[in-house]
Structures are given as structure tokens and as C-alpha cells.
Amino acid sequence: MTNILRFVQVFAIGTWVGSIIFFSFVVAPSLFRALPHLDEAGAVVGLSLAGLHHLGVGAAVLFLLSAVLIARSIRGLVRAPSLAVVLMLALTVASQWVVIPRMEALRAQMGSIEATAQDNAARVEFDRLHGISVDLEVAVLLGGIVAIFLVARKENT
């Protein structure tokens, strides 16, 4: 049973990390190259990012539930791989339900990001929040890589 639960952990975190990599290095850049307007690409990226975040929350729940079952105790949540996943989950929740709603409100206020001057206060704030969003996603990716390493290392000890 432990092997199956470890597989669930690796599958969950691997799917999440792989999705972040695919989204960041393939989907988002492709949309900004293929679509004629920045606003269109941004709208599709926003929808896709929401899906990625929901996938991440599900992966975190599976990972953490597996950790508890492996440990046969809630103490499974205070082991290093689980702590990395809890941090990833917290950052993902902050991005999806704090940062992104603020960005969406600014986008609605501006009407068009592409047509809004870069020195406009709403645009400046949007760009700042976008930077935070990117930083959060990078931190989640790095946390996921660490979690995968820790789980893989644990299997070999």
C-alpha cells in the first residue's frame, strides 16, 4: 500500500510541476505570439492559469492525504515533502484568490491593458501584481521540484 501511496504522491506533484512548466514555457508564450492582441492572449492565459491552479490544489490534496496515510498519522504533514507542498498550496491559493482577482479588477477598470499607457496608475499596479503572480508561480515550481526530490530520495533510503 505504501508503494501505491508514494506513486500517488509522485504522480500528483509531477503532474502539477509538469503543468507549470508546460504552461510557462509553451502555452503562455505561444498565446502571446499567436493571438493578435495582448488583451486576448491575457484573457486566455488568465483562464488557463485558473485551471492550472485548480489542478494544483487537487494535486496538493492528493499528495497530503497520501502523506497522512503513509505515516498513519497527521504527522505526515510535518515532514519535509509535505511542508513543501503546503507552501506550494498556500502560494497557489494566494495567487488565484488574492493577486489574480486584483489584476482582473484592474483589467476591467482599464478596459484594455494594451491601450493603457504604461505610466497609468492602474497599469503600473497591474504590472506590479503581474510580477508578483509570476514570482509566486516560480516559487511554486521550485517548491515542487524540491518536493519531488525529497520524495524520490525518501524512496531510496
C-alpha atoms as a PDB file:
ATOM      1  CA  MET A   1       0.000   0.000   0.000  1.00  0.00           C
ATOM      2  CA  THR A   2       2.867   2.380   0.790  1.00  0.00           C
ATOM      3  CA  ASN A   3       4.222   1.993  -2.747  1.00  0.00           C
ATOM      4  CA  ILE A   4       0.848   2.926  -4.216  1.00  0.00           C
ATOM      5  CA  LEU A   5       0.601   5.976  -1.950  1.00  0.00           C
ATOM      6  CA  ARG A   6       4.126   7.075  -2.875  1.00  0.00           C
ATOM      7  CA  PHE A   7       3.176   6.672  -6.530  1.00  0.00           C
ATOM      8  CA  VAL A   8       0.138   8.910  -5.908  1.00  0.00           C
ATOM      9  CA  GLN A   9       2.448  11.495  -4.347  1.00  0.00           C
ATOM     10  CA  VAL A  10       4.921  11.435  -7.223  1.00  0.00           C
ATOM     11  CA  PHE A  11       2.129  11.433  -9.806  1.00  0.00           C
ATOM     12  CA  ALA A  12       0.309  14.351  -8.137  1.00  0.00           C
ATOM     13  CA  ILE A  13       3.350  16.556  -7.677  1.00  0.00           C
ATOM     14  CA  GLY A  14       4.829  15.538 -11.043  1.00  0.00           C
ATOM     15  CA  THR A  15       1.606  16.418 -12.824  1.00  0.00           C
ATOM     16  CA  TRP A  16       1.482  19.785 -11.061  1.00  0.00           C
ATOM     17  CA  VAL A  17       5.122  20.640 -11.759  1.00  0.00           C
ATOM     18  CA  GLY A  18       4.890  19.410 -15.350  1.00  0.00           C
ATOM     19  CA  SER A  19       1.783  21.502 -15.892  1.00  0.00           C
ATOM     20  CA  ILE A  20       3.512  24.611 -14.574  1.00  0.00           C
ATOM     21  CA  ILE A  21       6.475  24.011 -16.874  1.00  0.00           C
ATOM     22  CA  PHE A  22       4.237  23.392 -19.907  1.00  0.00           C
ATOM     23  CA  PHE A  23       2.081  26.421 -19.148  1.00  0.00           C
ATOM     24  CA  SER A  24       5.028  28.747 -18.513  1.00  0.00           C
ATOM     25  CA  PHE A  25       7.292  27.710 -21.355  1.00  0.00           C
ATOM     26  CA  VAL A  26       4.834  26.582 -24.048  1.00  0.00           C
ATOM     27  CA  VAL A  27       1.227  27.740 -23.552  1.00  0.00           C
ATOM     28  CA  ALA A  28       1.639  31.337 -22.381  1.00  0.00           C
ATOM     29  CA  PRO A  29       4.416  32.326 -24.830  1.00  0.00           C
ATOM     30  CA  SER A  30       2.552  30.640 -27.699  1.00  0.00           C
ATOM     31  CA  LEU A  31      -0.625  32.559 -26.968  1.00  0.00           C
ATOM     32  CA  PHE A  32       1.189  35.886 -26.875  1.00  0.00           C
ATOM     33  CA  ARG A  33       2.804  35.071 -30.242  1.00  0.00           C
ATOM     34  CA  ALA A  34      -0.280  33.617 -31.932  1.00  0.00           C
ATOM     35  CA  LEU A  35      -3.064  35.968 -30.882  1.00  0.00           C
ATOM     36  CA  PRO A  36      -3.187  39.403 -32.487  1.00  0.00           C
ATOM     37  CA  HIS A  37      -3.857  41.394 -29.322  1.00  0.00           C
ATOM     38  CA  LEU A  38      -2.219  41.367 -25.907  1.00  0.00           C
ATOM     39  CA  ASP A  39      -5.648  41.590 -24.263  1.00  0.00           C
ATOM     40  CA  GLU A  40      -6.866  38.409 -25.987  1.00  0.00           C
ATOM     41  CA  ALA A  41      -3.758  36.472 -25.026  1.00  0.00           C
ATOM     42  CA  GLY A  42      -4.002  37.761 -21.455  1.00  0.00           C
ATOM     43  CA  ALA A  43      -7.625  36.647 -21.193  1.00  0.00           C
ATOM     44  CA  VAL A  44      -6.808  33.111 -22.372  1.00  0.00           C
ATOM     45  CA  VAL A  45      -3.743  32.936 -20.122  1.00  0.00           C
ATOM     46  CA  GLY A  46      -5.887  34.024 -17.170  1.00  0.00           C
ATOM     47  CA  LEU A  47      -8.432  31.283 -17.819  1.00  0.00           C
ATOM     48  CA  SER A  48      -5.698  28.700 -18.310  1.00  0.00           C
ATOM     49  CA  LEU A  49      -3.923  29.796 -15.149  1.00  0.00           C
ATOM     50  CA  ALA A  50      -7.122  29.332 -13.157  1.00  0.00           C
ATOM     51  CA  GLY A  51      -7.318  25.772 -14.452  1.00  0.00           C
ATOM     52  CA  LEU A  52      -3.671  25.203 -13.558  1.00  0.00           C
ATOM     53  CA  HIS A  53      -4.278  26.493 -10.052  1.00  0.00           C
ATOM     54  CA  HIS A  54      -7.302  24.261  -9.542  1.00  0.00           C
ATOM     55  CA  LEU A  55      -5.246  21.297 -10.755  1.00  0.00           C
ATOM     56  CA  GLY A  56      -2.555  22.294  -8.247  1.00  0.00           C
ATOM     57  CA  VAL A  57      -4.998  22.434  -5.359  1.00  0.00           C
ATOM     58  CA  GLY A  58      -6.263  18.955  -6.260  1.00  0.00           C
ATOM     59  CA  ALA A  59      -2.704  17.641  -6.558  1.00  0.00           C
ATOM     60  CA  ALA A  60      -1.811  19.123  -3.175  1.00  0.00           C
ATOM     61  CA  VAL A  61      -4.822  17.483  -1.529  1.00  0.00           C
ATOM     62  CA  LEU A  62      -3.903  14.087  -3.044  1.00  0.00           C
ATOM     63  CA  PHE A  63      -0.277  14.464  -2.021  1.00  0.00           C
ATOM     64  CA  LEU A  64      -1.073  15.498   1.546  1.00  0.00           C
ATOM     65  CA  LEU A  65      -3.741  12.820   2.001  1.00  0.00           C
ATOM     66  CA  SER A  66      -1.231  10.228   0.800  1.00  0.00           C
ATOM     67  CA  ALA A  67       1.358  11.599   3.235  1.00  0.00           C
ATOM     68  CA  VAL A  68      -1.062  11.174   6.147  1.00  0.00           C
ATOM     69  CA  LEU A  69      -1.933   7.637   5.040  1.00  0.00           C
ATOM     70  CA  ILE A  70       1.731   6.672   4.616  1.00  0.00           C
ATOM     71  CA  ALA A  71       2.571   7.982   8.095  1.00  0.00           C
ATOM     72  CA  ARG A  72      -0.710   6.636   9.505  1.00  0.00           C
ATOM     73  CA  SER A  73      -0.825   9.908  11.348  1.00  0.00           C
ATOM     74  CA  ILE A  74      -1.392  13.612  10.836  1.00  0.00           C
ATOM     75  CA  ARG A  75       2.357  13.871  11.497  1.00  0.00           C
ATOM     76  CA  GLY A  76       2.815  13.007   7.834  1.00  0.00           C
ATOM     77  CA  LEU A  77       2.024  16.663   7.183  1.00  0.00           C
ATOM     78  CA  VAL A  78       5.077  17.915   9.069  1.00  0.00           C
ATOM     79  CA  ARG A  79       7.630  16.010   7.021  1.00  0.00           C
ATOM     80  CA  ALA A  80       9.754  17.986   4.557  1.00  0.00           C
ATOM     81  CA  PRO A  81       7.991  16.945   1.316  1.00  0.00           C
ATOM     82  CA  SER A  82       4.589  17.726   2.810  1.00  0.00           C
ATOM     83  CA  LEU A  83       5.772  21.079   4.117  1.00  0.00           C
ATOM     84  CA  ALA A  84       6.974  21.953   0.610  1.00  0.00           C
ATOM     85  CA  VAL A  85       3.550  21.023  -0.782  1.00  0.00           C
ATOM     86  CA  VAL A  86       1.745  23.012   1.932  1.00  0.00           C
ATOM     87  CA  LEU A  87       3.850  26.042   0.957  1.00  0.00           C
ATOM     88  CA  MET A  88       3.058  25.449  -2.721  1.00  0.00           C
ATOM     89  CA  LEU A  89      -0.630  25.229  -1.883  1.00  0.00           C
ATOM     90  CA  ALA A  90      -0.545  28.449   0.134  1.00  0.00           C
ATOM     91  CA  LEU A  91       1.244  30.323  -2.669  1.00  0.00           C
ATOM     92  CA  THR A  92      -1.191  28.962  -5.257  1.00  0.00           C
ATOM     93  CA  VAL A  93      -4.196  29.996  -3.171  1.00  0.00           C
ATOM     94  CA  ALA A  94      -2.703  33.465  -2.655  1.00  0.00           C
ATOM     95  CA  SER A  95      -2.130  33.832  -6.384  1.00  0.00           C
ATOM     96  CA  GLN A  96      -5.537  32.578  -7.508  1.00  0.00           C
ATOM     97  CA  TRP A  97      -7.743  34.122  -4.865  1.00  0.00           C
ATOM     98  CA  VAL A  98      -5.851  37.289  -3.848  1.00  0.00           C
ATOM     99  CA  VAL A  99      -3.497  38.505  -6.592  1.00  0.00           C
ATOM    100  CA  ILE A 100      -5.415  37.481  -9.720  1.00  0.00           C
ATOM    101  CA  PRO A 101      -8.765  38.985  -8.627  1.00  0.00           C
ATOM    102  CA  ARG A 102      -6.983  42.299  -8.090  1.00  0.00           C
ATOM    103  CA  MET A 103      -5.444  42.026 -11.550  1.00  0.00           C
ATOM    104  CA  GLU A 104      -8.834  41.224 -13.077  1.00  0.00           C
ATOM    105  CA  ALA A 105     -10.401  44.256 -11.388  1.00  0.00           C
ATOM    106  CA  LEU A 106      -7.663  46.476 -12.802  1.00  0.00           C
ATOM    107  CA  ARG A 107      -8.059  44.890 -16.235  1.00  0.00           C
ATOM    108  CA  ALA A 108     -11.787  45.661 -16.142  1.00  0.00           C
ATOM    109  CA  GLN A 109     -11.087  49.216 -14.983  1.00  0.00           C
ATOM    110  CA  MET A 110      -8.636  49.814 -17.830  1.00  0.00           C
ATOM    111  CA  GLY A 111     -10.769  48.130 -20.483  1.00  0.00           C
ATOM    112  CA  SER A 112      -7.638  47.302 -22.455  1.00  0.00           C
ATOM    113  CA  ILE A 113      -4.200  46.746 -20.995  1.00  0.00           C
ATOM    114  CA  GLU A 114      -2.684  47.087 -24.438  1.00  0.00           C
ATOM    115  CA  ALA A 115      -4.273  50.523 -24.946  1.00  0.00           C
ATOM    116  CA  THR A 116      -3.445  51.804 -21.460  1.00  0.00           C
ATOM    117  CA  ALA A 117      -0.315  53.921 -21.093  1.00  0.00           C
ATOM    118  CA  GLN A 118       2.490  52.238 -19.176  1.00  0.00           C
ATOM    119  CA  ASP A 119       2.650  55.151 -16.723  1.00  0.00           C
ATOM    120  CA  ASN A 120      -1.093  54.990 -15.943  1.00  0.00           C
ATOM    121  CA  ALA A 121      -1.560  54.229 -12.220  1.00  0.00           C
ATOM    122  CA  ALA A 122      -3.833  51.242 -12.907  1.00  0.00           C
ATOM    123  CA  ARG A 123      -1.367  49.839 -15.444  1.00  0.00           C
ATOM    124  CA  VAL A 124       1.558  50.326 -13.067  1.00  0.00           C
ATOM    125  CA  GLU A 125      -0.334  48.446 -10.351  1.00  0.00           C
ATOM    126  CA  PHE A 126      -1.379  45.724 -12.812  1.00  0.00           C
ATOM    127  CA  ASP A 127       2.236  45.252 -13.907  1.00  0.00           C
ATOM    128  CA  ARG A 128       3.361  45.098 -10.263  1.00  0.00           C
ATOM    129  CA  LEU A 129       0.755  42.441  -9.483  1.00  0.00           C
ATOM    130  CA  HIS A 130       1.697  40.529 -12.631  1.00  0.00           C
ATOM    131  CA  GLY A 131       5.278  40.435 -11.358  1.00  0.00           C
ATOM    132  CA  ILE A 132       4.063  39.076  -8.026  1.00  0.00           C
ATOM    133  CA  SER A 133       1.969  36.476  -9.846  1.00  0.00           C
ATOM    134  CA  VAL A 134       4.993  35.322 -11.842  1.00  0.00           C
ATOM    135  CA  ASP A 135       7.154  35.219  -8.694  1.00  0.00           C
ATOM    136  CA  LEU A 136       4.528  33.108  -6.907  1.00  0.00           C
ATOM    137  CA  GLU A 137       4.383  30.671  -9.830  1.00  0.00           C
ATOM    138  CA  VAL A 138       8.191  30.373  -9.886  1.00  0.00           C
ATOM    139  CA  ALA A 139       8.197  29.707  -6.137  1.00  0.00           C
ATOM    140  CA  VAL A 140       5.542  27.004  -6.570  1.00  0.00           C
ATOM    141  CA  LEU A 141       7.591  25.422  -9.358  1.00  0.00           C
ATOM    142  CA  LEU A 142      10.757  25.415  -7.237  1.00  0.00           C
ATOM    143  CA  GLY A 143       8.843  24.030  -4.257  1.00  0.00           C
ATOM    144  CA  GLY A 144       7.519  21.256  -6.468  1.00  0.00           C
ATOM    145  CA  ILE A 145      10.972  20.348  -7.701  1.00  0.00           C
ATOM    146  CA  VAL A 146      12.169  20.182  -4.096  1.00  0.00           C
ATOM    147  CA  ALA A 147       9.159  18.038  -3.105  1.00  0.00           C
ATOM    148  CA  ILE A 148       9.798  15.607  -5.977  1.00  0.00           C
ATOM    149  CA  PHE A 149      13.445  15.328  -4.982  1.00  0.00           C
ATOM    150  CA  LEU A 150      12.562  14.704  -1.341  1.00  0.00           C
ATOM    151  CA  VAL A 151      10.011  12.024  -2.182  1.00  0.00           C
ATOM    152  CA  ALA A 152      12.381  10.332  -4.647  1.00  0.00           C
ATOM    153  CA  ARG A 153      15.211  10.458  -2.126  1.00  0.00           C
ATOM    154  CA  LYS A 154      12.956   9.026   0.571  1.00  0.00           C
ATOM    155  CA  GLU A 155      12.113   6.028  -1.625  1.00  0.00           C
ATOM    156  CA  ASN A 156      15.792   5.132  -1.916  1.00  0.00           C
ATOM    157  CA  THR A 157      16.583   5.305   1.810  1.00  0.00           C
END
